[in-house]
Amino acid sequence: MSAPRLPTRRSNESRGTGCDADESRYSVPARFIGHKVRVVLRSTELIAYDGRVEIAFHPG
């Protein structure tokens, strides 16, 4: 059984190489500094996307 999906959050990161989600900070590749990325939070993982391309994955 897969983990339940939580609402998608958006992050507009202008400094550093990360995104903020639920009061935590997660890294993304440096080339995405200043870009809007889509962040999908699940109970056991966080996935960041640029469009439809996964750019970062953080297990829980």
N, C-alpha and C. Protein backbone atom coordinates (compact mmCIF):
# COMPACT_ATOMS: atom_id res chain seq x y z
N MET A 1 0.84 -1.18 0.00
CA MET A 1 0.00 0.00 0.00
C MET A 1 0.89 1.24 0.00
N SER A 2 0.62 2.17 -0.88
CA SER A 2 1.45 3.37 -0.97
C SER A 2 1.05 4.39 0.08
N ALA A 3 1.98 5.28 0.38
CA ALA A 3 1.73 6.32 1.37
C ALA A 3 0.72 7.32 0.82
N PRO A 4 -0.10 7.90 1.68
CA PRO A 4 -1.08 8.89 1.21
C PRO A 4 -0.38 10.13 0.68
N ARG A 5 -0.96 10.74 -0.33
CA ARG A 5 -0.40 11.96 -0.91
C ARG A 5 -0.89 13.16 -0.13
N LEU A 6 0.01 14.05 0.18
CA LEU A 6 -0.35 15.30 0.82
C LEU A 6 -0.44 16.39 -0.25
N PRO A 7 -1.01 17.53 0.05
CA PRO A 7 -1.12 18.57 -0.96
C PRO A 7 0.24 18.99 -1.52
N THR A 8 0.27 19.32 -2.79
CA THR A 8 1.48 19.81 -3.43
C THR A 8 1.76 21.23 -2.94
N ARG A 9 3.00 21.50 -2.65
CA ARG A 9 3.41 22.84 -2.22
C ARG A 9 4.35 23.41 -3.27
N ARG A 10 4.41 24.71 -3.37
CA ARG A 10 5.33 25.36 -4.30
C ARG A 10 6.37 26.13 -3.50
N SER A 11 7.57 26.16 -4.03
CA SER A 11 8.65 26.89 -3.38
C SER A 11 9.33 27.76 -4.42
N ASN A 12 9.55 29.01 -4.10
CA ASN A 12 10.30 29.91 -4.97
C ASN A 12 11.59 30.23 -4.25
N GLU A 13 12.62 29.50 -4.55
CA GLU A 13 13.88 29.60 -3.83
C GLU A 13 14.79 30.58 -4.54
N SER A 14 15.19 31.63 -3.85
CA SER A 14 16.06 32.62 -4.48
C SER A 14 17.47 32.62 -3.90
N ARG A 15 17.67 31.96 -2.75
CA ARG A 15 18.99 31.89 -2.14
C ARG A 15 19.28 30.45 -1.76
N GLY A 16 20.54 30.08 -1.79
CA GLY A 16 20.92 28.73 -1.40
C GLY A 16 20.56 27.70 -2.46
N THR A 17 20.62 26.46 -2.08
CA THR A 17 20.32 25.38 -3.03
C THR A 17 19.25 24.47 -2.45
N GLY A 18 18.21 25.06 -1.91
CA GLY A 18 17.19 24.24 -1.29
C GLY A 18 15.80 24.80 -1.44
N CYS A 19 14.86 24.07 -0.88
CA CYS A 19 13.48 24.52 -0.85
C CYS A 19 12.96 24.27 0.55
N ASP A 20 11.99 25.05 0.96
CA ASP A 20 11.40 24.92 2.28
C ASP A 20 10.07 24.19 2.17
N ALA A 21 9.82 23.27 3.07
CA ALA A 21 8.55 22.54 3.11
C ALA A 21 8.30 22.10 4.54
N ASP A 22 7.13 22.42 5.06
CA ASP A 22 6.77 22.04 6.42
C ASP A 22 7.85 22.40 7.44
N GLU A 23 8.34 23.60 7.36
CA GLU A 23 9.34 24.13 8.30
C GLU A 23 10.66 23.39 8.26
N SER A 24 10.91 22.64 7.21
CA SER A 24 12.19 21.96 7.02
C SER A 24 12.80 22.46 5.71
N ARG A 25 14.09 22.24 5.55
CA ARG A 25 14.80 22.69 4.35
C ARG A 25 15.37 21.47 3.65
N TYR A 26 15.17 21.40 2.33
CA TYR A 26 15.62 20.27 1.53
C TYR A 26 16.46 20.77 0.38
N SER A 27 17.50 20.03 0.01
CA SER A 27 18.39 20.47 -1.06
C SER A 27 17.82 20.12 -2.43
N VAL A 28 18.17 20.98 -3.39
CA VAL A 28 17.89 20.74 -4.81
C VAL A 28 19.18 21.08 -5.55
N PRO A 29 19.35 20.62 -6.79
CA PRO A 29 20.56 20.96 -7.55
C PRO A 29 20.76 22.47 -7.67
N ALA A 30 22.01 22.92 -7.61
CA ALA A 30 22.33 24.34 -7.61
C ALA A 30 21.79 25.08 -8.83
N ARG A 31 21.66 24.41 -9.97
CA ARG A 31 21.18 25.10 -11.17
C ARG A 31 19.73 25.57 -11.05
N PHE A 32 19.03 25.16 -9.99
CA PHE A 32 17.64 25.57 -9.80
C PHE A 32 17.49 26.75 -8.85
N ILE A 33 18.62 27.36 -8.45
CA ILE A 33 18.56 28.56 -7.62
C ILE A 33 17.75 29.62 -8.37
N GLY A 34 16.77 30.19 -7.70
CA GLY A 34 15.93 31.24 -8.28
C GLY A 34 14.77 30.71 -9.12
N HIS A 35 14.66 29.40 -9.28
CA HIS A 35 13.57 28.80 -10.07
C HIS A 35 12.42 28.38 -9.17
N LYS A 36 11.23 28.39 -9.72
CA LYS A 36 10.09 27.81 -9.01
C LYS A 36 10.11 26.31 -9.28
N VAL A 37 9.96 25.54 -8.24
CA VAL A 37 9.89 24.08 -8.38
C VAL A 37 8.62 23.60 -7.70
N ARG A 38 8.12 22.47 -8.15
CA ARG A 38 6.94 21.85 -7.53
C ARG A 38 7.44 20.83 -6.53
N VAL A 39 6.89 20.89 -5.32
CA VAL A 39 7.30 19.98 -4.26
C VAL A 39 6.11 19.10 -3.87
N VAL A 40 6.31 17.80 -3.93
CA VAL A 40 5.28 16.85 -3.52
C VAL A 40 5.72 16.23 -2.19
N LEU A 41 4.89 16.42 -1.18
CA LEU A 41 5.17 15.87 0.15
C LEU A 41 4.28 14.65 0.36
N ARG A 42 4.89 13.58 0.80
CA ARG A 42 4.16 12.39 1.21
C ARG A 42 4.56 12.09 2.64
N SER A 43 3.91 11.17 3.27
CA SER A 43 4.22 10.90 4.68
C SER A 43 5.64 10.39 4.88
N THR A 44 6.24 9.80 3.85
CA THR A 44 7.58 9.23 4.00
C THR A 44 8.61 9.77 3.03
N GLU A 45 8.26 10.80 2.24
CA GLU A 45 9.23 11.32 1.26
C GLU A 45 8.84 12.70 0.77
N LEU A 46 9.82 13.37 0.19
CA LEU A 46 9.63 14.64 -0.49
C LEU A 46 10.27 14.51 -1.86
N ILE A 47 9.55 14.94 -2.90
CA ILE A 47 10.06 14.91 -4.27
C ILE A 47 9.91 16.30 -4.85
N ALA A 48 10.98 16.83 -5.43
CA ALA A 48 10.94 18.14 -6.09
C ALA A 48 11.00 17.93 -7.60
N TYR A 49 10.19 18.70 -8.31
CA TYR A 49 10.10 18.59 -9.77
C TYR A 49 10.33 19.94 -10.43
N ASP A 50 10.97 19.91 -11.58
CA ASP A 50 11.04 21.04 -12.50
C ASP A 50 10.16 20.63 -13.67
N GLY A 51 8.95 21.17 -13.74
CA GLY A 51 7.99 20.67 -14.72
C GLY A 51 7.63 19.25 -14.36
N ARG A 52 7.85 18.32 -15.29
CA ARG A 52 7.56 16.90 -15.02
C ARG A 52 8.81 16.11 -14.68
N VAL A 53 9.94 16.77 -14.60
CA VAL A 53 11.22 16.09 -14.35
C VAL A 53 11.55 16.13 -12.86
N GLU A 54 11.75 14.95 -12.27
CA GLU A 54 12.15 14.87 -10.87
C GLU A 54 13.58 15.39 -10.73
N ILE A 55 13.78 16.35 -9.82
CA ILE A 55 15.12 16.93 -9.65
C ILE A 55 15.72 16.62 -8.29
N ALA A 56 14.88 16.20 -7.33
CA ALA A 56 15.40 15.85 -6.02
C ALA A 56 14.43 14.90 -5.33
N PHE A 57 14.99 13.98 -4.56
CA PHE A 57 14.19 13.01 -3.81
C PHE A 57 14.79 12.90 -2.42
N HIS A 58 13.95 13.01 -1.40
CA HIS A 58 14.40 12.88 -0.02
C HIS A 58 13.50 11.89 0.70
N PRO A 59 14.02 10.71 1.05
CA PRO A 59 13.22 9.74 1.79
C PRO A 59 12.99 10.23 3.23
N GLY A 60 11.95 9.75 3.84
CA GLY A 60 11.59 10.16 5.21
C GLY A 60 12.25 9.39 6.24
